[in-house]
């Protein structure tokens, strides 16, 4: 009447099999990925994200809004990105 799912079919087979038969295990997946696969993909994606984000920050580091609002807030880079002009050098 009803077709059993793969998990139920494996459970029924393992209940009827002898103690010396191989034990079947059907891993739980979401969108075709197990937890270990998702962790591996997440680690790779996080590495690429950090690399691209830090690269974009330093490429756009000369834009005044990025320099003043983001990069000067970092503790060791505040003096490096300080672009103030001395009063004696200011023409205005």
PDB file of N, CA and C in Angstrom:
ATOM      1  N   UNK A   1       0.817  -1.170   0.000  1.00  0.00           N
ATOM      2  CA  UNK A   1       0.000   0.000   0.000  1.00  0.00           C
ATOM      3  C   UNK A   1       0.873   1.251   0.000  1.00  0.00           C
ATOM      4  N   UNK A   2       1.721   1.459   1.016  1.00  0.00           N
ATOM      5  CA  UNK A   2       2.629   2.598   1.067  1.00  0.00           C
ATOM      6  C   UNK A   2       4.050   2.120   0.809  1.00  0.00           C
ATOM      7  N   UNK A   3       4.797   2.897   0.077  1.00  0.00           N
ATOM      8  CA  UNK A   3       6.198   2.566  -0.165  1.00  0.00           C
ATOM      9  C   UNK A   3       7.029   3.094   1.007  1.00  0.00           C
ATOM     10  N   UNK A   4       7.833   2.254   1.615  1.00  0.00           N
ATOM     11  CA  UNK A   4       8.628   2.728   2.755  1.00  0.00           C
ATOM     12  C   UNK A   4       9.751   3.654   2.283  1.00  0.00           C
ATOM     13  N   UNK A   5      10.116   4.588   3.144  1.00  0.00           N
ATOM     14  CA  UNK A   5      11.236   5.465   2.838  1.00  0.00           C
ATOM     15  C   UNK A   5      12.537   4.689   2.958  1.00  0.00           C
ATOM     16  N   UNK A   6      13.606   5.275   2.469  1.00  0.00           N
ATOM     17  CA  UNK A   6      14.899   4.594   2.509  1.00  0.00           C
ATOM     18  C   UNK A   6      15.341   4.327   3.940  1.00  0.00           C
ATOM     19  N   UNK A   7      15.045   5.251   4.837  1.00  0.00           N
ATOM     20  CA  UNK A   7      15.445   5.068   6.227  1.00  0.00           C
ATOM     21  C   UNK A   7      14.681   3.921   6.874  1.00  0.00           C
ATOM     22  N   UNK A   8      13.364   3.863   6.609  1.00  0.00           N
ATOM     23  CA  UNK A   8      12.567   2.762   7.179  1.00  0.00           C
ATOM     24  C   UNK A   8      12.953   1.423   6.573  1.00  0.00           C
ATOM     25  N   UNK A   9      13.229   1.420   5.273  1.00  0.00           N
ATOM     26  CA  UNK A   9      13.629   0.174   4.629  1.00  0.00           C
ATOM     27  C   UNK A   9      14.940  -0.338   5.214  1.00  0.00           C
ATOM     28  N   UNK A  10      15.888   0.565   5.470  1.00  0.00           N
ATOM     29  CA  UNK A  10      17.162   0.157   6.070  1.00  0.00           C
ATOM     30  C   UNK A  10      16.960  -0.345   7.492  1.00  0.00           C
ATOM     31  N   UNK A  11      16.053   0.289   8.225  1.00  0.00           N
ATOM     32  CA  UNK A  11      15.792  -0.143   9.593  1.00  0.00           C
ATOM     33  C   UNK A  11      15.125  -1.515   9.613  1.00  0.00           C
ATOM     34  N   UNK A  12      14.232  -1.771   8.677  1.00  0.00           N
ATOM     35  CA  UNK A  12      13.566  -3.072   8.626  1.00  0.00           C
ATOM     36  C   UNK A  12      14.550  -4.162   8.226  1.00  0.00           C
ATOM     37  N   UNK A  13      15.438  -3.847   7.298  1.00  0.00           N
ATOM     38  CA  UNK A  13      16.421  -4.840   6.863  1.00  0.00           C
ATOM     39  C   UNK A  13      17.384  -5.134   8.001  1.00  0.00           C
ATOM     40  N   UNK A  14      17.827  -4.104   8.723  1.00  0.00           N
ATOM     41  CA  UNK A  14      18.792  -4.341   9.788  1.00  0.00           C
ATOM     42  C   UNK A  14      18.146  -5.086  10.955  1.00  0.00           C
ATOM     43  N   UNK A  15      16.845  -4.941  11.149  1.00  0.00           N
ATOM     44  CA  UNK A  15      16.176  -5.672  12.222  1.00  0.00           C
ATOM     45  C   UNK A  15      16.057  -7.152  11.879  1.00  0.00           C
ATOM     46  N   UNK A  16      15.948  -7.464  10.604  1.00  0.00           N
ATOM     47  CA  UNK A  16      15.786  -8.856  10.193  1.00  0.00           C
ATOM     48  C   UNK A  16      17.113  -9.535   9.892  1.00  0.00           C
ATOM     49  N   UNK A  17      18.163  -8.776   9.721  1.00  0.00           N
ATOM     50  CA  UNK A  17      19.454  -9.349   9.350  1.00  0.00           C
ATOM     51  C   UNK A  17      20.118  -9.973  10.571  1.00  0.00           C
ATOM     52  N   UNK A  18      21.088 -10.797  10.295  1.00  0.00           N
ATOM     53  CA  UNK A  18      21.798 -11.447  11.387  1.00  0.00           C
ATOM     54  C   UNK A  18      22.751 -10.449  12.050  1.00  0.00           C
ATOM     55  N   UNK A  19      23.312 -10.849  13.159  1.00  0.00           N
ATOM     56  CA  UNK A  19      24.234  -9.987  13.892  1.00  0.00           C
ATOM     57  C   UNK A  19      25.545  -9.804  13.147  1.00  0.00           C
ATOM     58  N   UNK A  20      25.821 -10.684  12.190  1.00  0.00           N
ATOM     59  CA  UNK A  20      27.079 -10.621  11.452  1.00  0.00           C
ATOM     60  C   UNK A  20      26.947  -9.872  10.127  1.00  0.00           C
ATOM     61  N   UNK A  21      25.765  -9.422   9.806  1.00  0.00           N
ATOM     62  CA  UNK A  21      25.552  -8.675   8.563  1.00  0.00           C
ATOM     63  C   UNK A  21      26.073  -7.249   8.727  1.00  0.00           C
ATOM     64  N   UNK A  22      26.398  -6.602   7.628  1.00  0.00           N
ATOM     65  CA  UNK A  22      26.866  -5.218   7.747  1.00  0.00           C
ATOM     66  C   UNK A  22      25.760  -4.306   8.254  1.00  0.00           C
ATOM     67  N   UNK A  23      26.145  -3.312   9.021  1.00  0.00           N
ATOM     68  CA  UNK A  23      25.191  -2.352   9.557  1.00  0.00           C
ATOM     69  C   UNK A  23      25.053  -1.208   8.558  1.00  0.00           C
ATOM     70  N   UNK A  24      23.836  -0.935   8.164  1.00  0.00           N
ATOM     71  CA  UNK A  24      23.577   0.129   7.205  1.00  0.00           C
ATOM     72  C   UNK A  24      23.329   1.426   7.945  1.00  0.00           C
ATOM     73  N   UNK A  25      23.836   2.499   7.371  1.00  0.00           N
ATOM     74  CA  UNK A  25      23.655   3.812   7.953  1.00  0.00           C
ATOM     75  C   UNK A  25      23.342   4.784   6.820  1.00  0.00           C
ATOM     76  N   UNK A  26      22.237   5.477   6.930  1.00  0.00           N
ATOM     77  CA  UNK A  26      21.861   6.478   5.943  1.00  0.00           C
ATOM     78  C   UNK A  26      22.067   7.842   6.591  1.00  0.00           C
ATOM     79  N   UNK A  27      23.045   8.608   6.104  1.00  0.00           N
ATOM     80  CA  UNK A  27      23.319   9.906   6.743  1.00  0.00           C
ATOM     81  C   UNK A  27      22.205  10.905   6.474  1.00  0.00           C
ATOM     82  N   UNK A  28      21.973  11.774   7.431  1.00  0.00           N
ATOM     83  CA  UNK A  28      20.987  12.834   7.247  1.00  0.00           C
ATOM     84  C   UNK A  28      21.615  13.943   6.415  1.00  0.00           C
ATOM     85  N   UNK A  29      20.874  14.396   5.433  1.00  0.00           N
ATOM     86  CA  UNK A  29      21.367  15.436   4.552  1.00  0.00           C
ATOM     87  C   UNK A  29      20.342  16.549   4.418  1.00  0.00           C
ATOM     88  N   UNK A  30      20.838  17.726   4.126  1.00  0.00           N
ATOM     89  CA  UNK A  30      19.998  18.873   3.795  1.00  0.00           C
ATOM     90  C   UNK A  30      20.545  19.419   2.488  1.00  0.00           C
ATOM     91  N   UNK A  31      19.725  19.443   1.469  1.00  0.00           N
ATOM     92  CA  UNK A  31      20.118  19.897   0.128  1.00  0.00           C
ATOM     93  C   UNK A  31      21.300  19.092  -0.392  1.00  0.00           C
ATOM     94  N   UNK A  32      21.374  17.822  -0.026  1.00  0.00           N
ATOM     95  CA  UNK A  32      22.425  16.948  -0.521  1.00  0.00           C
ATOM     96  C   UNK A  32      23.744  17.066   0.206  1.00  0.00           C
ATOM     97  N   UNK A  33      23.812  17.812   1.306  1.00  0.00           N
ATOM     98  CA  UNK A  33      25.060  17.976   2.047  1.00  0.00           C
ATOM     99  C   UNK A  33      24.908  17.439   3.458  1.00  0.00           C
ATOM    100  N   UNK A  34      25.906  16.723   3.900  1.00  0.00           N
ATOM    101  CA  UNK A  34      25.939  16.306   5.291  1.00  0.00           C
ATOM    102  C   UNK A  34      26.534  17.443   6.120  1.00  0.00           C
ATOM    103  N   UNK A  35      26.546  17.271   7.424  1.00  0.00           N
ATOM    104  CA  UNK A  35      27.082  18.310   8.301  1.00  0.00           C
ATOM    105  C   UNK A  35      28.569  18.536   8.040  1.00  0.00           C
ATOM    106  N   UNK A  36      29.326  17.478   7.838  1.00  0.00           N
ATOM    107  CA  UNK A  36      30.763  17.615   7.573  1.00  0.00           C
ATOM    108  C   UNK A  36      31.044  18.359   6.281  1.00  0.00           C
ATOM    109  N   UNK A  37      30.262  18.077   5.246  1.00  0.00           N
ATOM    110  CA  UNK A  37      30.435  18.772   3.978  1.00  0.00           C
ATOM    111  C   UNK A  37      30.091  20.246   4.122  1.00  0.00           C
ATOM    112  N   UNK A  38      29.036  20.559   4.854  1.00  0.00           N
ATOM    113  CA  UNK A  38      28.646  21.950   5.062  1.00  0.00           C
ATOM    114  C   UNK A  38      29.727  22.707   5.835  1.00  0.00           C
ATOM    115  N   UNK A  39      30.355  22.060   6.803  1.00  0.00           N
ATOM    116  CA  UNK A  39      31.432  22.706   7.563  1.00  0.00           C
ATOM    117  C   UNK A  39      32.633  22.976   6.656  1.00  0.00           C
ATOM    118  N   UNK A  40      32.963  22.027   5.789  1.00  0.00           N
ATOM    119  CA  UNK A  40      34.085  22.231   4.868  1.00  0.00           C
ATOM    120  C   UNK A  40      33.809  23.386   3.912  1.00  0.00           C
ATOM    121  N   UNK A  41      32.636  23.416   3.324  1.00  0.00           N
ATOM    122  CA  UNK A  41      32.283  24.502   2.409  1.00  0.00           C
ATOM    123  C   UNK A  41      32.227  25.834   3.143  1.00  0.00           C
ATOM    124  N   UNK A  42      31.728  25.838   4.359  1.00  0.00           N
ATOM    125  CA  UNK A  42      31.664  27.068   5.138  1.00  0.00           C
ATOM    126  C   UNK A  42      33.043  27.607   5.474  1.00  0.00           C
ATOM    127  N   UNK A  43      33.974  26.722   5.771  1.00  0.00           N
ATOM    128  CA  UNK A  43      35.342  27.140   6.073  1.00  0.00           C
ATOM    129  C   UNK A  43      35.999  27.773   4.855  1.00  0.00           C
ATOM    130  N   UNK A  44      35.820  27.160   3.702  1.00  0.00           N
ATOM    131  CA  UNK A  44      36.392  27.710   2.470  1.00  0.00           C
ATOM    132  C   UNK A  44      35.746  29.054   2.144  1.00  0.00           C
ATOM    133  N   UNK A  45      34.427  29.139   2.279  1.00  0.00           N
ATOM    134  CA  UNK A  45      33.722  30.390   1.985  1.00  0.00           C
ATOM    135  C   UNK A  45      34.141  31.498   2.949  1.00  0.00           C
ATOM    136  N   UNK A  46      34.351  31.174   4.218  1.00  0.00           N
ATOM    137  CA  UNK A  46      34.792  32.178   5.196  1.00  0.00           C
ATOM    138  C   UNK A  46      36.195  32.686   4.862  1.00  0.00           C
ATOM    139  N   UNK A  47      37.069  31.797   4.443  1.00  0.00           N
ATOM    140  CA  UNK A  47      38.420  32.217   4.056  1.00  0.00           C
ATOM    141  C   UNK A  47      38.410  33.163   2.871  1.00  0.00           C
ATOM    142  N   UNK A  48      37.603  32.823   1.854  1.00  0.00           N
ATOM    143  CA  UNK A  48      37.491  33.714   0.694  1.00  0.00           C
ATOM    144  C   UNK A  48      36.861  35.043   1.095  1.00  0.00           C
ATOM    145  N   UNK A  49      35.890  35.017   1.975  1.00  0.00           N
ATOM    146  CA  UNK A  49      35.241  36.249   2.407  1.00  0.00           C
ATOM    147  C   UNK A  49      36.192  37.175   3.146  1.00  0.00           C
ATOM    148  N   UNK A  50      37.007  36.610   4.029  1.00  0.00           N
ATOM    149  CA  UNK A  50      37.983  37.425   4.765  1.00  0.00           C
ATOM    150  C   UNK A  50      39.012  38.008   3.799  1.00  0.00           C
ATOM    151  N   UNK A  51      39.482  37.197   2.861  1.00  0.00           N
ATOM    152  CA  UNK A  51      40.480  37.681   1.905  1.00  0.00           C
ATOM    153  C   UNK A  51      39.910  38.790   1.031  1.00  0.00           C
ATOM    154  N   UNK A  52      38.704  38.602   0.513  1.00  0.00           N
ATOM    155  CA  UNK A  52      38.101  39.622  -0.344  1.00  0.00           C
ATOM    156  C   UNK A  52      37.751  40.886   0.435  1.00  0.00           C
ATOM    157  N   UNK A  53      37.256  40.723   1.649  1.00  0.00           N
ATOM    158  CA  UNK A  53      36.898  41.878   2.459  1.00  0.00           C
ATOM    159  C   UNK A  53      38.102  42.717   2.840  1.00  0.00           C
ATOM    160  N   UNK A  54      39.171  42.066   3.288  1.00  0.00           N
ATOM    161  CA  UNK A  54      40.363  42.828   3.665  1.00  0.00           C
ATOM    162  C   UNK A  54      41.026  43.442   2.437  1.00  0.00           C
ATOM    163  N   UNK A  55      41.006  42.734   1.310  1.00  0.00           N
ATOM    164  CA  UNK A  55      41.548  43.310   0.078  1.00  0.00           C
ATOM    165  C   UNK A  55      40.767  44.536  -0.361  1.00  0.00           C
ATOM    166  N   UNK A  56      39.442  44.464  -0.275  1.00  0.00           N
ATOM    167  CA  UNK A  56      38.613  45.611  -0.663  1.00  0.00           C
ATOM    168  C   UNK A  56      38.848  46.792   0.270  1.00  0.00           C
ATOM    169  N   UNK A  57      39.024  46.550   1.555  1.00  0.00           N
ATOM    170  CA  UNK A  57      39.296  47.650   2.488  1.00  0.00           C
ATOM    171  C   UNK A  57      40.597  48.370   2.157  1.00  0.00           C
ATOM    172  N   UNK A  58      41.626  47.610   1.843  1.00  0.00           N
ATOM    173  CA  UNK A  58      42.897  48.251   1.582  1.00  0.00           C
ATOM    174  C   UNK A  58      42.982  48.833   0.177  1.00  0.00           C
ATOM    175  N   UNK A  59      42.197  48.327  -0.770  1.00  0.00           N
ATOM    176  CA  UNK A  59      42.140  48.952  -2.091  1.00  0.00           C
ATOM    177  C   UNK A  59      41.422  50.288  -1.996  1.00  0.00           C
ATOM    178  N   UNK A  60      40.305  50.306  -1.261  1.00  0.00           N
ATOM    179  CA  UNK A  60      39.548  51.537  -1.103  1.00  0.00           C
ATOM    180  C   UNK A  60      40.025  52.360   0.088  1.00  0.00           C
ATOM    181  N   UNK A  61      41.217  52.085   0.584  1.00  0.00           N
ATOM    182  CA  UNK A  61      41.743  52.788   1.746  1.00  0.00           C
ATOM    183  C   UNK A  61      42.044  54.248   1.498  1.00  0.00           C
ATOM    184  N   UNK A  62      42.178  54.653   0.249  1.00  0.00           N
ATOM    185  CA  UNK A  62      42.469  56.051  -0.050  1.00  0.00           C
ATOM    186  C   UNK A  62      41.207  56.882  -0.239  1.00  0.00           C
ATOM    187  N   UNK A  63      40.065  56.248  -0.235  1.00  0.00           N
ATOM    188  CA  UNK A  63      38.804  56.988  -0.290  1.00  0.00           C
ATOM    189  C   UNK A  63      38.592  57.605   1.091  1.00  0.00           C
ATOM    190  N   UNK A  64      38.380  58.914   1.174  1.00  0.00           N
ATOM    191  CA  UNK A  64      38.322  59.561   2.497  1.00  0.00           C
ATOM    192  C   UNK A  64      37.260  58.983   3.428  1.00  0.00           C
ATOM    193  N   UNK A  65      36.105  58.621   2.914  1.00  0.00           N
ATOM    194  CA  UNK A  65      35.046  58.092   3.775  1.00  0.00           C
ATOM    195  C   UNK A  65      35.462  56.747   4.379  1.00  0.00           C
ATOM    196  N   UNK A  66      36.049  55.877   3.586  1.00  0.00           N
ATOM    197  CA  UNK A  66      36.507  54.571   4.088  1.00  0.00           C
ATOM    198  C   UNK A  66      37.649  54.769   5.070  1.00  0.00           C
ATOM    199  N   UNK A  67      38.574  55.650   4.724  1.00  0.00           N
ATOM    200  CA  UNK A  67      39.743  55.871   5.584  1.00  0.00           C
ATOM    201  C   UNK A  67      39.340  56.420   6.950  1.00  0.00           C
ATOM    202  N   UNK A  68      38.462  57.416   6.964  1.00  0.00           N
ATOM    203  CA  UNK A  68      38.115  58.048   8.238  1.00  0.00           C
ATOM    204  C   UNK A  68      37.105  57.242   9.045  1.00  0.00           C
ATOM    205  N   UNK A  69      36.147  56.631   8.377  1.00  0.00           N
ATOM    206  CA  UNK A  69      35.077  55.941   9.111  1.00  0.00           C
ATOM    207  C   UNK A  69      35.432  54.521   9.509  1.00  0.00           C
ATOM    208  N   UNK A  70      36.298  53.855   8.767  1.00  0.00           N
ATOM    209  CA  UNK A  70      36.578  52.441   9.051  1.00  0.00           C
ATOM    210  C   UNK A  70      38.019  52.237   9.501  1.00  0.00           C
ATOM    211  N   UNK A  71      38.962  52.635   8.662  1.00  0.00           N
ATOM    212  CA  UNK A  71      40.356  52.259   8.911  1.00  0.00           C
ATOM    213  C   UNK A  71      40.988  53.015  10.066  1.00  0.00           C
ATOM    214  N   UNK A  72      40.588  54.233  10.313  1.00  0.00           N
ATOM    215  CA  UNK A  72      41.165  54.974  11.432  1.00  0.00           C
ATOM    216  C   UNK A  72      40.596  54.523  12.766  1.00  0.00           C
ATOM    217  N   UNK A  73      39.570  53.708  12.765  1.00  0.00           N
ATOM    218  CA  UNK A  73      39.005  53.168  14.004  1.00  0.00           C
ATOM    219  C   UNK A  73      39.787  51.947  14.498  1.00  0.00           C
ATOM    220  N   UNK A  74      40.604  51.343  13.632  1.00  0.00           N
ATOM    221  CA  UNK A  74      41.412  50.193  14.033  1.00  0.00           C
ATOM    222  C   UNK A  74      42.596  50.676  14.868  1.00  0.00           C
ATOM    223  N   UNK A  75      42.911  49.996  15.965  1.00  0.00           N
ATOM    224  CA  UNK A  75      43.878  50.526  16.935  1.00  0.00           C
ATOM    225  C   UNK A  75      45.273  50.810  16.373  1.00  0.00           C
ATOM    226  N   UNK A  76      45.825  49.920  15.549  1.00  0.00           N
ATOM    227  CA  UNK A  76      47.207  50.109  15.118  1.00  0.00           C
ATOM    228  C   UNK A  76      47.322  50.854  13.790  1.00  0.00           C
ATOM    229  N   UNK A  77      46.214  51.107  13.133  1.00  0.00           N
ATOM    230  CA  UNK A  77      46.256  51.775  11.839  1.00  0.00           C
ATOM    231  C   UNK A  77      45.828  53.231  11.901  1.00  0.00           C
ATOM    232  N   UNK A  78      45.461  53.730  13.076  1.00  0.00           N
ATOM    233  CA  UNK A  78      44.955  55.092  13.150  1.00  0.00           C
ATOM    234  C   UNK A  78      46.022  56.126  12.784  1.00  0.00           C
ATOM    235  N   UNK A  79      47.257  55.946  13.206  1.00  0.00           N
ATOM    236  CA  UNK A  79      48.320  56.894  12.849  1.00  0.00           C
ATOM    237  C   UNK A  79      48.756  56.732  11.400  1.00  0.00           C
ATOM    238  N   UNK A  80      48.688  55.527  10.865  1.00  0.00           N
ATOM    239  CA  UNK A  80      49.099  55.272   9.489  1.00  0.00           C
ATOM    240  C   UNK A  80      48.175  55.976   8.506  1.00  0.00           C
ATOM    241  N   UNK A  81      46.880  55.986   8.786  1.00  0.00           N
ATOM    242  CA  UNK A  81      45.908  56.584   7.873  1.00  0.00           C
ATOM    243  C   UNK A  81      45.566  58.032   8.239  1.00  0.00           C
ATOM    244  N   UNK A  82      46.333  58.644   9.097  1.00  0.00           N
ATOM    245  CA  UNK A  82      46.101  60.041   9.456  1.00  0.00           C
ATOM    246  C   UNK A  82      46.662  60.927   8.343  1.00  0.00           C
ATOM    247  N   UNK A  83      45.800  61.659   7.656  1.00  0.00           N
ATOM    248  CA  UNK A  83      46.208  62.481   6.519  1.00  0.00           C
ATOM    249  C   UNK A  83      45.994  63.979   6.793  1.00  0.00           C
ATOM    250  N   UNK A  84      46.139  64.387   8.022  1.00  0.00           N
ATOM    251  CA  UNK A  84      45.935  65.804   8.344  1.00  0.00           C
ATOM    252  C   UNK A  84      47.115  66.624   7.812  1.00  0.00           C
ATOM    253  N   UNK A  85      46.815  67.817   7.417  1.00  0.00           N
ATOM    254  CA  UNK A  85      47.839  68.728   6.887  1.00  0.00           C
ATOM    255  C   UNK A  85      48.235  69.675   8.021  1.00  0.00           C
ATOM    256  N   UNK A  86      49.517  69.861   8.178  1.00  0.00           N
ATOM    257  CA  UNK A  86      50.009  70.763   9.226  1.00  0.00           C
ATOM    258  C   UNK A  86      49.509  72.187   8.938  1.00  0.00           C
ATOM    259  N   UNK A  87      49.219  72.973   9.965  1.00  0.00           N
ATOM    260  CA  UNK A  87      48.682  74.333   9.731  1.00  0.00           C
ATOM    261  C   UNK A  87      49.625  75.228   8.939  1.00  0.00           C
ATOM    262  N   UNK A  88      50.914  75.049   9.094  1.00  0.00           N
ATOM    263  CA  UNK A  88      51.849  75.912   8.360  1.00  0.00           C
ATOM    264  C   UNK A  88      51.932  75.535   6.866  1.00  0.00           C
ATOM    265  N   UNK A  89      51.496  74.312   6.517  1.00  0.00           N
ATOM    266  CA  UNK A  89      51.511  73.888   5.124  1.00  0.00           C
ATOM    267  C   UNK A  89      50.190  74.119   4.428  1.00  0.00           C
ATOM    268  N   UNK A  90      49.168  74.509   5.164  1.00  0.00           N
ATOM    269  CA  UNK A  90      47.855  74.700   4.591  1.00  0.00           C
ATOM    270  C   UNK A  90      47.790  76.030   3.846  1.00  0.00           C
ATOM    271  N   UNK A  91      47.380  76.007   2.595  1.00  0.00           N
ATOM    272  CA  UNK A  91      47.355  77.219   1.785  1.00  0.00           C
ATOM    273  C   UNK A  91      46.118  78.056   2.071  1.00  0.00           C
ATOM    274  N   UNK A  92      45.147  77.537   2.721  1.00  0.00           N
ATOM    275  CA  UNK A  92      43.896  78.277   2.921  1.00  0.00           C
ATOM    276  C   UNK A  92      43.805  78.822   4.293  1.00  0.00           C
TER     277      UNK A  92
END
